[in-house]
Amino acid sequence: MSAMADVVLVKQKVAAGKTSRLKEWMAEIRDREQEALETLKDEGIHSETAFLEHTDDGAFLIYYMKADDLEQAIESFEQSAHDIDETHKQVMDEVLESGENVGEYELLYHLDNPERS
């Protein structure tokens, strides 16, 4: 049996007036799926999911990620030469208030169905 993968949930504040730009970029990622999947392979990420939370305090970008080693995945992303990763960094700098994780989530459990890949 393999060791449990790292999983994380991150919450970041979207800057006022930047929600549309964020949604445009997320749509482009979907359109460039094969390119995005290549970056996940290089970073050792099993899966990545992004959500947009709408609250009275504004919009928040919520990320769920699962990887063999999240620290290594983040380091690989930071050093990535993929065009899509460079654009992702630029767009995140543009649309997020600070990039700071404003959520505190304690992992209680994570299950993977062994019959699914």
PDB file of N, CA and C in Angstrom:
ATOM      1  N   MET A   1       0.853  -1.187   0.000  1.00  0.00           N
ATOM      2  CA  MET A   1       0.000   0.000   0.000  1.00  0.00           C
ATOM      3  C   MET A   1       0.891   1.240   0.000  1.00  0.00           C
ATOM      4  N   SER A   2       0.591   2.217  -0.861  1.00  0.00           N
ATOM      5  CA  SER A   2       1.407   3.425  -0.948  1.00  0.00           C
ATOM      6  C   SER A   2       1.019   4.413   0.148  1.00  0.00           C
ATOM      7  N   ALA A   3       1.929   5.331   0.432  1.00  0.00           N
ATOM      8  CA  ALA A   3       1.675   6.354   1.430  1.00  0.00           C
ATOM      9  C   ALA A   3       0.580   7.289   0.937  1.00  0.00           C
ATOM     10  N   MET A   4      -0.112   7.892   1.892  1.00  0.00           N
ATOM     11  CA  MET A   4      -1.174   8.817   1.529  1.00  0.00           C
ATOM     12  C   MET A   4      -0.570  10.047   0.851  1.00  0.00           C
ATOM     13  N   ALA A   5      -1.203  10.491  -0.194  1.00  0.00           N
ATOM     14  CA  ALA A   5      -0.765  11.690  -0.908  1.00  0.00           C
ATOM     15  C   ALA A   5      -1.069  12.927  -0.073  1.00  0.00           C
ATOM     16  N   ASP A   6      -0.363  14.010  -0.386  1.00  0.00           N
ATOM     17  CA  ASP A   6      -0.655  15.304   0.223  1.00  0.00           C
ATOM     18  C   ASP A   6      -1.889  15.890  -0.440  1.00  0.00           C
ATOM     19  N   VAL A   7      -2.792  16.434   0.352  1.00  0.00           N
ATOM     20  CA  VAL A   7      -3.939  17.149  -0.180  1.00  0.00           C
ATOM     21  C   VAL A   7      -4.033  18.487   0.542  1.00  0.00           C
ATOM     22  N   VAL A   8      -4.497  19.500  -0.180  1.00  0.00           N
ATOM     23  CA  VAL A   8      -4.590  20.829   0.419  1.00  0.00           C
ATOM     24  C   VAL A   8      -5.770  21.585  -0.176  1.00  0.00           C
ATOM     25  N   LEU A   9      -6.338  22.463   0.630  1.00  0.00           N
ATOM     26  CA  LEU A   9      -7.379  23.373   0.204  1.00  0.00           C
ATOM     27  C   LEU A   9      -6.878  24.779   0.518  1.00  0.00           C
ATOM     28  N   VAL A  10      -6.849  25.629  -0.496  1.00  0.00           N
ATOM     29  CA  VAL A  10      -6.306  26.980  -0.359  1.00  0.00           C
ATOM     30  C   VAL A  10      -7.391  27.984  -0.734  1.00  0.00           C
ATOM     31  N   LYS A  11      -7.494  29.063   0.044  1.00  0.00           N
ATOM     32  CA  LYS A  11      -8.480  30.122  -0.206  1.00  0.00           C
ATOM     33  C   LYS A  11      -7.744  31.450  -0.344  1.00  0.00           C
ATOM     34  N   GLN A  12      -7.972  32.121  -1.493  1.00  0.00           N
ATOM     35  CA  GLN A  12      -7.308  33.386  -1.760  1.00  0.00           C
ATOM     36  C   GLN A  12      -8.341  34.429  -2.173  1.00  0.00           C
ATOM     37  N   LYS A  13      -8.180  35.663  -1.675  1.00  0.00           N
ATOM     38  CA  LYS A  13      -9.119  36.755  -1.963  1.00  0.00           C
ATOM     39  C   LYS A  13      -8.885  37.293  -3.363  1.00  0.00           C
ATOM     40  N   VAL A  14      -9.962  37.359  -4.143  1.00  0.00           N
ATOM     41  CA  VAL A  14      -9.903  37.943  -5.478  1.00  0.00           C
ATOM     42  C   VAL A  14     -10.050  39.459  -5.329  1.00  0.00           C
ATOM     43  N   ALA A  15      -9.194  40.207  -6.000  1.00  0.00           N
ATOM     44  CA  ALA A  15      -9.245  41.663  -5.938  1.00  0.00           C
ATOM     45  C   ALA A  15     -10.565  42.173  -6.519  1.00  0.00           C
ATOM     46  N   ALA A  16     -11.034  43.289  -5.986  1.00  0.00           N
ATOM     47  CA  ALA A  16     -12.284  43.889  -6.455  1.00  0.00           C
ATOM     48  C   ALA A  16     -12.195  44.169  -7.959  1.00  0.00           C
ATOM     49  N   GLY A  17     -13.237  43.785  -8.673  1.00  0.00           N
ATOM     50  CA  GLY A  17     -13.309  44.035 -10.101  1.00  0.00           C
ATOM     51  C   GLY A  17     -12.522  43.063 -10.963  1.00  0.00           C
ATOM     52  N   LYS A  18     -11.938  42.028 -10.363  1.00  0.00           N
ATOM     53  CA  LYS A  18     -11.083  41.098 -11.120  1.00  0.00           C
ATOM     54  C   LYS A  18     -11.703  39.720 -11.332  1.00  0.00           C
ATOM     55  N   THR A  19     -12.943  39.526 -10.889  1.00  0.00           N
ATOM     56  CA  THR A  19     -13.581  38.217 -11.011  1.00  0.00           C
ATOM     57  C   THR A  19     -13.742  37.796 -12.470  1.00  0.00           C
ATOM     58  N   SER A  20     -14.140  38.725 -13.326  1.00  0.00           N
ATOM     59  CA  SER A  20     -14.327  38.387 -14.743  1.00  0.00           C
ATOM     60  C   SER A  20     -13.019  37.947 -15.381  1.00  0.00           C
ATOM     61  N   ARG A  21     -11.936  38.651 -15.067  1.00  0.00           N
ATOM     62  CA  ARG A  21     -10.621  38.286 -15.617  1.00  0.00           C
ATOM     63  C   ARG A  21     -10.218  36.892 -15.133  1.00  0.00           C
ATOM     64  N   LEU A  22     -10.458  36.604 -13.861  1.00  0.00           N
ATOM     65  CA  LEU A  22     -10.147  35.283 -13.310  1.00  0.00           C
ATOM     66  C   LEU A  22     -10.942  34.205 -14.038  1.00  0.00           C
ATOM     67  N   LYS A  23     -12.230  34.427 -14.249  1.00  0.00           N
ATOM     68  CA  LYS A  23     -13.074  33.449 -14.924  1.00  0.00           C
ATOM     69  C   LYS A  23     -12.635  33.245 -16.378  1.00  0.00           C
ATOM     70  N   GLU A  24     -12.218  34.331 -17.034  1.00  0.00           N
ATOM     71  CA  GLU A  24     -11.694  34.209 -18.401  1.00  0.00           C
ATOM     72  C   GLU A  24     -10.464  33.311 -18.430  1.00  0.00           C
ATOM     73  N   TRP A  25      -9.568  33.511 -17.473  1.00  0.00           N
ATOM     74  CA  TRP A  25      -8.343  32.708 -17.426  1.00  0.00           C
ATOM     75  C   TRP A  25      -8.662  31.240 -17.132  1.00  0.00           C
ATOM     76  N   MET A  26      -9.581  30.999 -16.220  1.00  0.00           N
ATOM     77  CA  MET A  26      -9.943  29.624 -15.892  1.00  0.00           C
ATOM     78  C   MET A  26     -10.562  28.933 -17.106  1.00  0.00           C
ATOM     79  N   ALA A  27     -11.347  29.666 -17.899  1.00  0.00           N
ATOM     80  CA  ALA A  27     -11.910  29.115 -19.137  1.00  0.00           C
ATOM     81  C   ALA A  27     -10.792  28.794 -20.119  1.00  0.00           C
ATOM     82  N   GLU A  28      -9.772  29.654 -20.173  1.00  0.00           N
ATOM     83  CA  GLU A  28      -8.644  29.390 -21.071  1.00  0.00           C
ATOM     84  C   GLU A  28      -7.879  28.136 -20.633  1.00  0.00           C
ATOM     85  N   ILE A  29      -7.729  27.955 -19.330  1.00  0.00           N
ATOM     86  CA  ILE A  29      -7.077  26.728 -18.836  1.00  0.00           C
ATOM     87  C   ILE A  29      -7.862  25.503 -19.305  1.00  0.00           C
ATOM     88  N   ARG A  30      -9.190  25.568 -19.204  1.00  0.00           N
ATOM     89  CA  ARG A  30     -10.017  24.443 -19.678  1.00  0.00           C
ATOM     90  C   ARG A  30      -9.793  24.216 -21.171  1.00  0.00           C
ATOM     91  N   ASP A  31      -9.704  25.302 -21.942  1.00  0.00           N
ATOM     92  CA  ASP A  31      -9.474  25.189 -23.383  1.00  0.00           C
ATOM     93  C   ASP A  31      -8.093  24.629 -23.709  1.00  0.00           C
ATOM     94  N   ARG A  32      -7.144  24.853 -22.815  1.00  0.00           N
ATOM     95  CA  ARG A  32      -5.760  24.394 -23.007  1.00  0.00           C
ATOM     96  C   ARG A  32      -5.473  23.182 -22.118  1.00  0.00           C
ATOM     97  N   GLU A  33      -6.477  22.325 -21.962  1.00  0.00           N
ATOM     98  CA  GLU A  33      -6.416  21.211 -21.021  1.00  0.00           C
ATOM     99  C   GLU A  33      -5.170  20.342 -21.189  1.00  0.00           C
ATOM    100  N   GLN A  34      -4.828  19.958 -22.414  1.00  0.00           N
ATOM    101  CA  GLN A  34      -3.677  19.076 -22.608  1.00  0.00           C
ATOM    102  C   GLN A  34      -2.383  19.730 -22.115  1.00  0.00           C
ATOM    103  N   GLU A  35      -2.239  21.008 -22.398  1.00  0.00           N
ATOM    104  CA  GLU A  35      -1.069  21.751 -21.928  1.00  0.00           C
ATOM    105  C   GLU A  35      -1.059  21.833 -20.397  1.00  0.00           C
ATOM    106  N   ALA A  36      -2.223  22.089 -19.813  1.00  0.00           N
ATOM    107  CA  ALA A  36      -2.333  22.166 -18.358  1.00  0.00           C
ATOM    108  C   ALA A  36      -2.020  20.814 -17.720  1.00  0.00           C
ATOM    109  N   LEU A  37      -2.498  19.724 -18.338  1.00  0.00           N
ATOM    110  CA  LEU A  37      -2.227  18.387 -17.798  1.00  0.00           C
ATOM    111  C   LEU A  37      -0.736  18.059 -17.833  1.00  0.00           C
ATOM    112  N   GLU A  38      -0.030  18.534 -18.846  1.00  0.00           N
ATOM    113  CA  GLU A  38       1.427  18.332 -18.903  1.00  0.00           C
ATOM    114  C   GLU A  38       2.119  18.974 -17.710  1.00  0.00           C
ATOM    115  N   THR A  39       1.640  20.160 -17.314  1.00  0.00           N
ATOM    116  CA  THR A  39       2.255  20.822 -16.160  1.00  0.00           C
ATOM    117  C   THR A  39       1.989  20.029 -14.888  1.00  0.00           C
ATOM    118  N   LEU A  40       0.780  19.467 -14.769  1.00  0.00           N
ATOM    119  CA  LEU A  40       0.478  18.659 -13.587  1.00  0.00           C
ATOM    120  C   LEU A  40       1.406  17.456 -13.496  1.00  0.00           C
ATOM    121  N   LYS A  41       1.650  16.811 -14.651  1.00  0.00           N
ATOM    122  CA  LYS A  41       2.568  15.660 -14.679  1.00  0.00           C
ATOM    123  C   LYS A  41       3.955  16.071 -14.215  1.00  0.00           C
ATOM    124  N   ASP A  42       4.450  17.199 -14.746  1.00  0.00           N
ATOM    125  CA  ASP A  42       5.786  17.672 -14.378  1.00  0.00           C
ATOM    126  C   ASP A  42       5.886  18.021 -12.894  1.00  0.00           C
ATOM    127  N   GLU A  43       4.782  18.475 -12.325  1.00  0.00           N
ATOM    128  CA  GLU A  43       4.777  18.910 -10.929  1.00  0.00           C
ATOM    129  C   GLU A  43       4.435  17.783  -9.949  1.00  0.00           C
ATOM    130  N   GLY A  44       4.056  16.611 -10.472  1.00  0.00           N
ATOM    131  CA  GLY A  44       3.695  15.500  -9.593  1.00  0.00           C
ATOM    132  C   GLY A  44       2.336  15.686  -8.932  1.00  0.00           C
ATOM    133  N   ILE A  45       1.468  16.448  -9.584  1.00  0.00           N
ATOM    134  CA  ILE A  45       0.131  16.685  -9.038  1.00  0.00           C
ATOM    135  C   ILE A  45      -0.833  15.663  -9.623  1.00  0.00           C
ATOM    136  N   HIS A  46      -1.581  15.012  -8.746  1.00  0.00           N
ATOM    137  CA  HIS A  46      -2.589  14.035  -9.166  1.00  0.00           C
ATOM    138  C   HIS A  46      -3.810  14.748  -9.717  1.00  0.00           C
ATOM    139  N   SER A  47      -4.281  15.767  -8.965  1.00  0.00           N
ATOM    140  CA  SER A  47      -5.468  16.496  -9.385  1.00  0.00           C
ATOM    141  C   SER A  47      -5.446  17.896  -8.801  1.00  0.00           C
ATOM    142  N   GLU A  48      -6.138  18.780  -9.523  1.00  0.00           N
ATOM    143  CA  GLU A  48      -6.238  20.171  -9.097  1.00  0.00           C
ATOM    144  C   GLU A  48      -7.619  20.646  -9.510  1.00  0.00           C
ATOM    145  N   THR A  49      -8.311  21.297  -8.598  1.00  0.00           N
ATOM    146  CA  THR A  49      -9.652  21.798  -8.862  1.00  0.00           C
ATOM    147  C   THR A  49      -9.741  23.221  -8.339  1.00  0.00           C
ATOM    148  N   ALA A  50     -10.348  24.110  -9.119  1.00  0.00           N
ATOM    149  CA  ALA A  50     -10.522  25.491  -8.698  1.00  0.00           C
ATOM    150  C   ALA A  50     -12.005  25.823  -8.616  1.00  0.00           C
ATOM    151  N   PHE A  51     -12.365  26.537  -7.561  1.00  0.00           N
ATOM    152  CA  PHE A  51     -13.729  26.994  -7.344  1.00  0.00           C
ATOM    153  C   PHE A  51     -13.709  28.498  -7.130  1.00  0.00           C
ATOM    154  N   LEU A  52     -14.818  29.152  -7.416  1.00  0.00           N
ATOM    155  CA  LEU A  52     -14.987  30.558  -7.102  1.00  0.00           C
ATOM    156  C   LEU A  52     -16.082  30.652  -6.056  1.00  0.00           C
ATOM    157  N   GLU A  53     -15.751  31.210  -4.896  1.00  0.00           N
ATOM    158  CA  GLU A  53     -16.726  31.388  -3.820  1.00  0.00           C
ATOM    159  C   GLU A  53     -17.187  32.844  -3.818  1.00  0.00           C
ATOM    160  N   HIS A  54     -18.486  33.042  -3.840  1.00  0.00           N
ATOM    161  CA  HIS A  54     -19.064  34.387  -3.806  1.00  0.00           C
ATOM    162  C   HIS A  54     -19.585  34.632  -2.395  1.00  0.00           C
ATOM    163  N   THR A  55     -19.089  35.683  -1.738  1.00  0.00           N
ATOM    164  CA  THR A  55     -19.521  36.004  -0.373  1.00  0.00           C
ATOM    165  C   THR A  55     -19.852  37.493  -0.280  1.00  0.00           C
ATOM    166  N   ASP A  56     -20.409  37.893   0.854  1.00  0.00           N
ATOM    167  CA  ASP A  56     -20.679  39.310   1.097  1.00  0.00           C
ATOM    168  C   ASP A  56     -19.376  40.102   1.180  1.00  0.00           C
ATOM    169  N   ASP A  57     -18.266  39.419   1.443  1.00  0.00           N
ATOM    170  CA  ASP A  57     -16.949  40.067   1.532  1.00  0.00           C
ATOM    171  C   ASP A  57     -16.207  40.041   0.205  1.00  0.00           C
ATOM    172  N   GLY A  58     -16.874  39.615  -0.859  1.00  0.00           N
ATOM    173  CA  GLY A  58     -16.242  39.554  -2.167  1.00  0.00           C
ATOM    174  C   GLY A  58     -16.036  38.120  -2.624  1.00  0.00           C
ATOM    175  N   ALA A  59     -15.256  37.986  -3.684  1.00  0.00           N
ATOM    176  CA  ALA A  59     -15.018  36.665  -4.273  1.00  0.00           C
ATOM    177  C   ALA A  59     -13.712  36.077  -3.757  1.00  0.00           C
ATOM    178  N   PHE A  60     -13.690  34.752  -3.670  1.00  0.00           N
ATOM    179  CA  PHE A  60     -12.507  34.022  -3.245  1.00  0.00           C
ATOM    180  C   PHE A  60     -12.244  32.879  -4.213  1.00  0.00           C
ATOM    181  N   LEU A  61     -10.979  32.690  -4.533  1.00  0.00           N
ATOM    182  CA  LEU A  61     -10.545  31.550  -5.336  1.00  0.00           C
ATOM    183  C   LEU A  61     -10.194  30.436  -4.365  1.00  0.00           C
ATOM    184  N   ILE A  62     -10.803  29.272  -4.567  1.00  0.00           N
ATOM    185  CA  ILE A  62     -10.559  28.111  -3.715  1.00  0.00           C
ATOM    186  C   ILE A  62      -9.917  27.035  -4.580  1.00  0.00           C
ATOM    187  N   TYR A  63      -8.775  26.541  -4.147  1.00  0.00           N
ATOM    188  CA  TYR A  63      -8.060  25.480  -4.847  1.00  0.00           C
ATOM    189  C   TYR A  63      -8.014  24.224  -4.003  1.00  0.00           C
ATOM    190  N   TYR A  64      -8.301  23.092  -4.613  1.00  0.00           N
ATOM    191  CA  TYR A  64      -8.040  21.777  -4.010  1.00  0.00           C
ATOM    192  C   TYR A  64      -6.935  21.148  -4.850  1.00  0.00           C
ATOM    193  N   MET A  65      -5.899  20.670  -4.187  1.00  0.00           N
ATOM    194  CA  MET A  65      -4.817  19.986  -4.897  1.00  0.00           C
ATOM    195  C   MET A  65      -4.442  18.708  -4.165  1.00  0.00           C
ATOM    196  N   LYS A  66      -4.083  17.722  -4.966  1.00  0.00           N
ATOM    197  CA  LYS A  66      -3.586  16.457  -4.443  1.00  0.00           C
ATOM    198  C   LYS A  66      -2.294  16.140  -5.181  1.00  0.00           C
ATOM    199  N   ALA A  67      -1.253  15.850  -4.425  1.00  0.00           N
ATOM    200  CA  ALA A  67       0.056  15.566  -5.024  1.00  0.00           C
ATOM    201  C   ALA A  67       0.809  14.572  -4.156  1.00  0.00           C
ATOM    202  N   ASP A  68       1.816  13.944  -4.756  1.00  0.00           N
ATOM    203  CA  ASP A  68       2.688  13.067  -3.968  1.00  0.00           C
ATOM    204  C   ASP A  68       3.398  13.879  -2.890  1.00  0.00           C
ATOM    205  N   ASP A  69       3.863  15.068  -3.259  1.00  0.00           N
ATOM    206  CA  ASP A  69       4.613  15.944  -2.354  1.00  0.00           C
ATOM    207  C   ASP A  69       4.292  17.385  -2.752  1.00  0.00           C
ATOM    208  N   LEU A  70       3.458  18.057  -1.974  1.00  0.00           N
ATOM    209  CA  LEU A  70       3.017  19.400  -2.341  1.00  0.00           C
ATOM    210  C   LEU A  70       4.152  20.415  -2.361  1.00  0.00           C
ATOM    211  N   GLU A  71       5.094  20.301  -1.420  1.00  0.00           N
ATOM    212  CA  GLU A  71       6.236  21.222  -1.430  1.00  0.00           C
ATOM    213  C   GLU A  71       7.006  21.105  -2.732  1.00  0.00           C
ATOM    214  N   GLN A  72       7.252  19.884  -3.165  1.00  0.00           N
ATOM    215  CA  GLN A  72       7.959  19.655  -4.427  1.00  0.00           C
ATOM    216  C   GLN A  72       7.136  20.151  -5.613  1.00  0.00           C
ATOM    217  N   ALA A  73       5.829  19.961  -5.555  1.00  0.00           N
ATOM    218  CA  ALA A  73       4.957  20.418  -6.640  1.00  0.00           C
ATOM    219  C   ALA A  73       5.006  21.938  -6.775  1.00  0.00           C
ATOM    220  N   ILE A  74       4.974  22.639  -5.652  1.00  0.00           N
ATOM    221  CA  ILE A  74       5.031  24.104  -5.672  1.00  0.00           C
ATOM    222  C   ILE A  74       6.378  24.572  -6.196  1.00  0.00           C
ATOM    223  N   GLU A  75       7.440  23.930  -5.765  1.00  0.00           N
ATOM    224  CA  GLU A  75       8.777  24.274  -6.250  1.00  0.00           C
ATOM    225  C   GLU A  75       8.875  24.055  -7.763  1.00  0.00           C
ATOM    226  N   SER A  76       8.343  22.947  -8.251  1.00  0.00           N
ATOM    227  CA  SER A  76       8.359  22.660  -9.687  1.00  0.00           C
ATOM    228  C   SER A  76       7.563  23.706 -10.459  1.00  0.00           C
ATOM    229  N   PHE A  77       6.424  24.124  -9.911  1.00  0.00           N
ATOM    230  CA  PHE A  77       5.613  25.161 -10.550  1.00  0.00           C
ATOM    231  C   PHE A  77       6.390  26.471 -10.628  1.00  0.00           C
ATOM    232  N   GLU A  78       7.036  26.836  -9.530  1.00  0.00           N
ATOM    233  CA  GLU A  78       7.791  28.094  -9.500  1.00  0.00           C
ATOM    234  C   GLU A  78       8.916  28.107 -10.531  1.00  0.00           C
ATOM    235  N   GLN A  79       9.495  26.949 -10.807  1.00  0.00           N
ATOM    236  CA  GLN A  79      10.619  26.853 -11.737  1.00  0.00           C
ATOM    237  C   GLN A  79      10.187  26.444 -13.148  1.00  0.00           C
ATOM    238  N   SER A  80       8.892  26.308 -13.363  1.00  0.00           N
ATOM    239  CA  SER A  80       8.367  25.804 -14.632  1.00  0.00           C
ATOM    240  C   SER A  80       8.713  26.711 -15.812  1.00  0.00           C
ATOM    241  N   ALA A  81       9.005  26.071 -16.934  1.00  0.00           N
ATOM    242  CA  ALA A  81       9.254  26.794 -18.183  1.00  0.00           C
ATOM    243  C   ALA A  81       8.042  26.736 -19.115  1.00  0.00           C
ATOM    244  N   HIS A  82       6.947  26.102 -18.677  1.00  0.00           N
ATOM    245  CA  HIS A  82       5.733  26.016 -19.495  1.00  0.00           C
ATOM    246  C   HIS A  82       5.105  27.402 -19.654  1.00  0.00           C
ATOM    247  N   ASP A  83       4.726  27.740 -20.877  1.00  0.00           N
ATOM    248  CA  ASP A  83       4.073  29.029 -21.146  1.00  0.00           C
ATOM    249  C   ASP A  83       2.818  29.212 -20.298  1.00  0.00           C
ATOM    250  N   ILE A  84       2.032  28.150 -20.157  1.00  0.00           N
ATOM    251  CA  ILE A  84       0.780  28.259 -19.412  1.00  0.00           C
ATOM    252  C   ILE A  84       1.044  28.578 -17.942  1.00  0.00           C
ATOM    253  N   ASP A  85       2.130  28.059 -17.381  1.00  0.00           N
ATOM    254  CA  ASP A  85       2.470  28.366 -15.983  1.00  0.00           C
ATOM    255  C   ASP A  85       2.917  29.815 -15.837  1.00  0.00           C
ATOM    256  N   GLU A  86       3.680  30.317 -16.798  1.00  0.00           N
ATOM    257  CA  GLU A  86       4.102  31.722 -16.764  1.00  0.00           C
ATOM    258  C   GLU A  86       2.892  32.641 -16.809  1.00  0.00           C
ATOM    259  N   THR A  87       1.953  32.343 -17.704  1.00  0.00           N
ATOM    260  CA  THR A  87       0.743  33.154 -17.805  1.00  0.00           C
ATOM    261  C   THR A  87      -0.082  33.037 -16.531  1.00  0.00           C
ATOM    262  N   HIS A  88      -0.153  31.829 -15.969  1.00  0.00           N
ATOM    263  CA  HIS A  88      -0.913  31.613 -14.733  1.00  0.00           C
ATOM    264  C   HIS A  88      -0.361  32.499 -13.616  1.00  0.00           C
ATOM    265  N   LYS A  89       0.954  32.543 -13.475  1.00  0.00           N
ATOM    266  CA  LYS A  89       1.571  33.387 -12.441  1.00  0.00           C
ATOM    267  C   LYS A  89       1.209  34.855 -12.654  1.00  0.00           C
ATOM    268  N   GLN A  90       1.271  35.309 -13.913  1.00  0.00           N
ATOM    269  CA  GLN A  90       0.952  36.708 -14.220  1.00  0.00           C
ATOM    270  C   GLN A  90      -0.504  37.027 -13.911  1.00  0.00           C
ATOM    271  N   VAL A  91      -1.414  36.141 -14.309  1.00  0.00           N
ATOM    272  CA  VAL A  91      -2.833  36.384 -14.069  1.00  0.00           C
ATOM    273  C   VAL A  91      -3.133  36.356 -12.575  1.00  0.00           C
ATOM    274  N   MET A  92      -2.551  35.421 -11.838  1.00  0.00           N
ATOM    275  CA  MET A  92      -2.793  35.364 -10.393  1.00  0.00           C
ATOM    276  C   MET A  92      -2.290  36.639  -9.715  1.00  0.00           C
ATOM    277  N   ASP A  93      -1.133  37.153 -10.136  1.00  0.00           N
ATOM    278  CA  ASP A  93      -0.631  38.422  -9.593  1.00  0.00           C
ATOM    279  C   ASP A  93      -1.609  39.553  -9.862  1.00  0.00           C
ATOM    280  N   GLU A  94      -2.256  39.497 -11.020  1.00  0.00           N
ATOM    281  CA  GLU A  94      -3.196  40.541 -11.437  1.00  0.00           C
ATOM    282  C   GLU A  94      -4.525  40.456 -10.693  1.00  0.00           C
ATOM    283  N   VAL A  95      -5.049  39.254 -10.484  1.00  0.00           N
ATOM    284  CA  VAL A  95      -6.425  39.115  -9.993  1.00  0.00           C
ATOM    285  C   VAL A  95      -6.561  38.873  -8.496  1.00  0.00           C
ATOM    286  N   LEU A  96      -5.493  38.445  -7.829  1.00  0.00           N
ATOM    287  CA  LEU A  96      -5.591  38.181  -6.393  1.00  0.00           C
ATOM    288  C   LEU A  96      -5.145  39.388  -5.591  1.00  0.00           C
ATOM    289  N   GLU A  97      -5.800  39.606  -4.447  1.00  0.00           N
ATOM    290  CA  GLU A  97      -5.418  40.739  -3.599  1.00  0.00           C
ATOM    291  C   GLU A  97      -3.963  40.630  -3.172  1.00  0.00           C
ATOM    292  N   SER A  98      -3.579  39.445  -2.667  1.00  0.00           N
ATOM    293  CA  SER A  98      -2.214  39.299  -2.177  1.00  0.00           C
ATOM    294  C   SER A  98      -1.617  37.936  -2.497  1.00  0.00           C
ATOM    295  N   GLY A  99      -2.452  36.978  -2.810  1.00  0.00           N
ATOM    296  CA  GLY A  99      -1.976  35.614  -2.995  1.00  0.00           C
ATOM    297  C   GLY A  99      -1.894  34.850  -1.682  1.00  0.00           C
ATOM    298  N   GLU A 100      -2.137  35.559  -0.586  1.00  0.00           N
ATOM    299  CA  GLU A 100      -2.089  34.930   0.737  1.00  0.00           C
ATOM    300  C   GLU A 100      -3.233  33.933   0.896  1.00  0.00           C
ATOM    301  N   ASN A 101      -2.939  32.815   1.547  1.00  0.00           N
ATOM    302  CA  ASN A 101      -3.973  31.832   1.865  1.00  0.00           C
ATOM    303  C   ASN A 101      -4.749  32.366   3.066  1.00  0.00           C
ATOM    304  N   VAL A 102      -6.023  32.724   2.860  1.00  0.00           N
ATOM    305  CA  VAL A 102      -6.824  33.295   3.938  1.00  0.00           C
ATOM    306  C   VAL A 102      -7.731  32.250   4.596  1.00  0.00           C
ATOM    307  N   GLY A 103      -7.635  31.008   4.164  1.00  0.00           N
ATOM    308  CA  GLY A 103      -8.433  29.948   4.757  1.00  0.00           C
ATOM    309  C   GLY A 103      -7.577  29.084   5.664  1.00  0.00           C
ATOM    310  N   GLU A 104      -8.209  28.530   6.676  1.00  0.00           N
ATOM    311  CA  GLU A 104      -7.524  27.569   7.543  1.00  0.00           C
ATOM    312  C   GLU A 104      -8.367  26.308   7.561  1.00  0.00           C
ATOM    313  N   TYR A 105      -7.854  25.291   6.911  1.00  0.00           N
ATOM    314  CA  TYR A 105      -8.589  24.044   6.790  1.00  0.00           C
ATOM    315  C   TYR A 105      -7.774  22.917   7.373  1.00  0.00           C
ATOM    316  N   GLU A 106      -8.372  22.188   8.292  1.00  0.00           N
ATOM    317  CA  GLU A 106      -7.725  21.030   8.898  1.00  0.00           C
ATOM    318  C   GLU A 106      -8.220  19.781   8.166  1.00  0.00           C
ATOM    319  N   LEU A 107      -7.288  19.036   7.586  1.00  0.00           N
ATOM    320  CA  LEU A 107      -7.656  17.803   6.893  1.00  0.00           C
ATOM    321  C   LEU A 107      -8.115  16.770   7.912  1.00  0.00           C
ATOM    322  N   LEU A 108      -9.322  16.293   7.729  1.00  0.00           N
ATOM    323  CA  LEU A 108      -9.855  15.263   8.619  1.00  0.00           C
ATOM    324  C   LEU A 108      -9.716  13.879   8.012  1.00  0.00           C
ATOM    325  N   TYR A 109      -9.954  13.757   6.743  1.00  0.00           N
ATOM    326  CA  TYR A 109      -9.663  12.510   6.042  1.00  0.00           C
ATOM    327  C   TYR A 109      -9.666  12.754   4.557  1.00  0.00           C
ATOM    328  N   HIS A 110      -9.009  11.845   3.847  1.00  0.00           N
ATOM    329  CA  HIS A 110      -9.003  11.858   2.396  1.00  0.00           C
ATOM    330  C   HIS A 110      -9.027  10.405   1.957  1.00  0.00           C
ATOM    331  N   LEU A 111      -9.944  10.073   1.058  1.00  0.00           N
ATOM    332  CA  LEU A 111     -10.049   8.705   0.561  1.00  0.00           C
ATOM    333  C   LEU A 111      -9.882   8.692  -0.942  1.00  0.00           C
ATOM    334  N   ASP A 112      -9.187   7.710  -1.443  1.00  0.00           N
ATOM    335  CA  ASP A 112      -9.106   7.446  -2.862  1.00  0.00           C
ATOM    336  C   ASP A 112      -9.674   6.066  -3.100  1.00  0.00           C
ATOM    337  N   ASN A 113     -10.553   5.947  -4.060  1.00  0.00           N
ATOM    338  CA  ASN A 113     -11.100   4.658  -4.425  1.00  0.00           C
ATOM    339  C   ASN A 113      -9.989   3.862  -5.118  1.00  0.00           C
ATOM    340  N   PRO A 114      -9.561   2.745  -4.550  1.00  0.00           N
ATOM    341  CA  PRO A 114      -8.470   1.987  -5.133  1.00  0.00           C
ATOM    342  C   PRO A 114      -8.809   1.378  -6.499  1.00  0.00           C
ATOM    343  N   GLU A 115     -10.088   1.341  -6.850  1.00  0.00           N
ATOM    344  CA  GLU A 115     -10.487   0.789  -8.141  1.00  0.00           C
ATOM    345  C   GLU A 115     -10.511   1.847  -9.230  1.00  0.00           C
ATOM    346  N   ARG A 116     -10.216   3.108  -8.870  1.00  0.00           N
ATOM    347  CA  ARG A 116     -10.168   4.214  -9.845  1.00  0.00           C
ATOM    348  C   ARG A 116      -8.741   4.708  -9.948  1.00  0.00           C
ATOM    349  N   SER A 117      -8.371   5.165 -11.134  1.00  0.00           N
ATOM    350  CA  SER A 117      -7.005   5.681 -11.273  1.00  0.00           C
ATOM    351  C   SER A 117      -6.995   7.182 -11.152  1.00  0.00           C
TER     352      SER A 117
END
